[in-house]
């Protein structure tokens, strides 16, 4: 019989993966495209909420740096919902995120998103291999959209920035 159970993810590895995600969002929140891209692997990829794909840490830094300098960015608030192993040296992070527009005190529910991160450790520490940003519209499920908005608003009321 094959054992198909996934390997355990150590507390240190889970913390490292969470840390990558928080550093990425901190880079956005400080308006620094290079800091945003810093946690990515050299060949990492980022897929934006509009479907745009950026391949390579330098391309991610350049594009997000351009975005961040063209306009004052909204600030991310986020909650990591789970981190789980995929295989030895690979993990999946699921998070929910909202954006507080400049000069606002509340998130814009139209900008709520689901973030999926694949992190890899190829022996030199954990890096982001893929960030997928998916708009959290929930189509015919306005109850789910309202629940997510309430969850993210609670983060804004507590403190701006990523949580968990």
Protein backbone atom coordinates (compact mmCIF):
# COMPACT_ATOMS: atom_id res chain seq x y z
CA UNK A 1 0.00 0.00 0.00
CA UNK A 2 1.31 3.47 -0.88
CA UNK A 3 1.45 6.06 1.86
CA UNK A 4 0.15 9.24 0.22
CA UNK A 5 0.23 11.40 3.31
CA UNK A 6 1.99 14.71 2.86
CA UNK A 7 5.09 15.42 4.90
CA UNK A 8 4.68 17.52 8.02
CA UNK A 9 5.63 21.18 7.74
CA UNK A 10 7.76 22.16 10.71
CA UNK A 11 6.82 25.20 12.77
CA UNK A 12 10.00 26.92 11.55
CA UNK A 13 9.16 26.22 7.90
CA UNK A 14 5.57 27.40 8.33
CA UNK A 15 6.82 30.60 9.99
CA UNK A 16 9.29 31.14 7.14
CA UNK A 17 6.54 30.77 4.52
CA UNK A 18 4.26 33.16 6.42
CA UNK A 19 7.17 35.57 6.72
CA UNK A 20 7.68 35.61 2.94
CA UNK A 21 4.07 36.60 2.42
CA UNK A 22 4.20 39.33 5.06
CA UNK A 23 7.47 40.74 3.66
CA UNK A 24 5.93 40.85 0.18
CA UNK A 25 2.89 42.79 1.44
CA UNK A 26 5.10 45.07 3.54
CA UNK A 27 7.02 45.90 0.34
CA UNK A 28 3.74 46.92 -1.29
CA UNK A 29 2.59 48.88 1.74
CA UNK A 30 5.85 50.85 1.84
CA UNK A 31 5.68 51.54 -1.91
CA UNK A 32 8.87 49.59 -2.70
CA UNK A 33 8.69 47.31 -5.75
CA UNK A 34 12.09 45.76 -4.99
CA UNK A 35 11.00 44.92 -1.43
CA UNK A 36 7.73 43.49 -2.80
CA UNK A 37 9.70 41.22 -5.15
CA UNK A 38 12.44 40.40 -2.64
CA UNK A 39 10.80 37.23 -1.24
CA UNK A 40 10.34 35.72 -4.73
CA UNK A 41 12.64 33.11 -6.20
CA UNK A 42 14.78 34.40 -9.07
CA UNK A 43 12.43 32.60 -11.46
CA UNK A 44 9.30 33.25 -9.40
CA UNK A 45 6.04 34.37 -10.97
CA UNK A 46 3.30 36.78 -9.96
CA UNK A 47 -0.16 36.74 -11.51
CA UNK A 48 -2.08 39.94 -10.89
CA UNK A 49 -5.82 40.21 -10.28
CA UNK A 50 -6.30 41.19 -13.93
CA UNK A 51 -4.48 38.09 -15.17
CA UNK A 52 -1.18 39.82 -15.96
CA UNK A 53 1.77 37.46 -15.48
CA UNK A 54 5.23 38.64 -14.45
CA UNK A 55 8.08 36.13 -14.56
CA UNK A 56 11.31 36.57 -12.63
CA UNK A 57 12.12 38.58 -9.52
CA UNK A 58 13.58 41.44 -11.58
CA UNK A 59 10.48 41.69 -13.80
CA UNK A 60 8.23 41.61 -10.72
CA UNK A 61 10.31 44.33 -9.06
CA UNK A 62 10.23 46.50 -12.18
CA UNK A 63 6.50 46.18 -12.86
CA UNK A 64 5.35 46.54 -9.27
CA UNK A 65 7.83 49.36 -8.75
CA UNK A 66 6.26 51.13 -11.73
CA UNK A 67 2.75 50.56 -10.36
CA UNK A 68 3.73 51.82 -6.92
CA UNK A 69 5.36 55.00 -8.24
CA UNK A 70 2.56 55.90 -10.67
CA UNK A 71 0.00 56.33 -7.92
CA UNK A 72 -0.23 56.21 -4.18
CA UNK A 73 -1.02 52.58 -3.44
CA UNK A 74 -3.82 51.32 -1.29
CA UNK A 75 -2.59 49.51 1.84
CA UNK A 76 -2.99 45.76 2.21
CA UNK A 77 -4.57 44.11 5.20
CA UNK A 78 -4.50 40.33 5.07
CA UNK A 79 -5.00 37.15 7.00
CA UNK A 80 -3.26 33.88 6.28
CA UNK A 81 -5.88 31.19 6.47
CA UNK A 82 -3.58 28.19 6.18
CA UNK A 83 -0.16 26.94 5.23
CA UNK A 84 0.16 23.33 4.20
CA UNK A 85 2.85 21.15 2.71
CA UNK A 86 2.65 20.05 -0.90
CA UNK A 87 5.81 17.94 -1.03
CA UNK A 88 9.21 18.07 0.64
CA UNK A 89 10.44 21.65 0.15
CA UNK A 90 7.12 22.93 -1.21
CA UNK A 91 4.21 24.58 0.61
CA UNK A 92 0.93 26.29 -0.21
CA UNK A 93 -0.21 29.43 1.59
CA UNK A 94 -3.83 30.59 1.32
CA UNK A 95 -4.69 34.12 2.42
CA UNK A 96 -7.43 36.70 2.10
CA UNK A 97 -6.56 40.31 1.49
CA UNK A 98 -8.24 43.68 1.33
CA UNK A 99 -7.01 47.11 0.32
CA UNK A 100 -7.55 50.37 2.17
CA UNK A 101 -7.40 53.17 -0.44
CA UNK A 102 -5.25 56.22 0.27
CA UNK A 103 -7.02 58.71 2.52
CA UNK A 104 -9.64 56.10 3.48
CA UNK A 105 -10.22 54.35 6.77
CA UNK A 106 -12.00 51.29 5.41
CA UNK A 107 -11.31 48.63 2.83
CA UNK A 108 -12.83 48.83 -0.61
CA UNK A 109 -14.81 45.55 -0.86
CA UNK A 110 -14.48 45.62 -4.66
CA UNK A 111 -10.73 45.04 -4.17
CA UNK A 112 -10.97 42.01 -1.85
CA UNK A 113 -8.84 39.13 -3.07
CA UNK A 114 -7.77 35.59 -2.43
CA UNK A 115 -4.01 35.12 -2.47
CA UNK A 116 -2.46 31.75 -3.20
CA UNK A 117 1.29 31.41 -2.74
CA UNK A 118 3.43 28.44 -3.66
CA UNK A 119 6.66 28.58 -1.68
CA UNK A 120 9.69 26.40 -2.33
CA UNK A 121 12.86 25.61 -0.46
CA UNK A 122 15.51 24.41 -2.88
CA UNK A 123 18.10 24.19 -0.13
CA UNK A 124 18.86 27.90 0.23
CA UNK A 125 15.78 28.90 2.22
CA UNK A 126 12.15 29.48 1.39
CA UNK A 127 11.18 31.68 -1.58
CA UNK A 128 7.93 32.47 -3.37
CA UNK A 129 7.66 30.49 -6.60
CA UNK A 130 4.16 31.72 -7.47
CA UNK A 131 1.71 34.36 -6.28
CA UNK A 132 -1.81 34.12 -7.69
CA UNK A 133 -4.12 37.03 -6.88
CA UNK A 134 -7.79 36.28 -7.51
CA UNK A 135 -10.53 38.88 -7.09
CA UNK A 136 -12.96 37.71 -4.39
CA UNK A 137 -16.22 38.47 -6.15
CA UNK A 138 -18.11 35.28 -5.24
CA UNK A 139 -20.64 35.80 -8.06
CA UNK A 140 -23.96 34.46 -6.88
CA UNK A 141 -22.82 34.21 -3.24
CA UNK A 142 -23.15 37.73 -1.79
CA UNK A 143 -23.17 36.16 1.68
CA UNK A 144 -19.56 34.99 1.18
CA UNK A 145 -18.54 38.42 -0.09
CA UNK A 146 -20.12 40.04 2.98
CA UNK A 147 -18.42 37.58 5.34
CA UNK A 148 -15.02 38.25 3.80
CA UNK A 149 -15.55 42.01 3.92
CA UNK A 150 -16.48 41.78 7.62
CA UNK A 151 -13.40 39.65 8.35
CA UNK A 152 -11.10 42.13 6.59
CA UNK A 153 -12.79 45.15 8.17
CA UNK A 154 -12.05 43.65 11.58
CA UNK A 155 -8.36 43.67 10.65
CA UNK A 156 -8.51 47.35 9.70
CA UNK A 157 -10.18 48.18 13.01
CA UNK A 158 -7.38 46.39 14.88
CA UNK A 159 -4.31 47.48 12.95
CA UNK A 160 -3.39 48.03 9.32
CA UNK A 161 -1.05 45.51 7.72
CA UNK A 162 -0.92 41.76 7.29
CA UNK A 163 -2.05 39.48 10.10
CA UNK A 164 -1.43 35.82 10.77
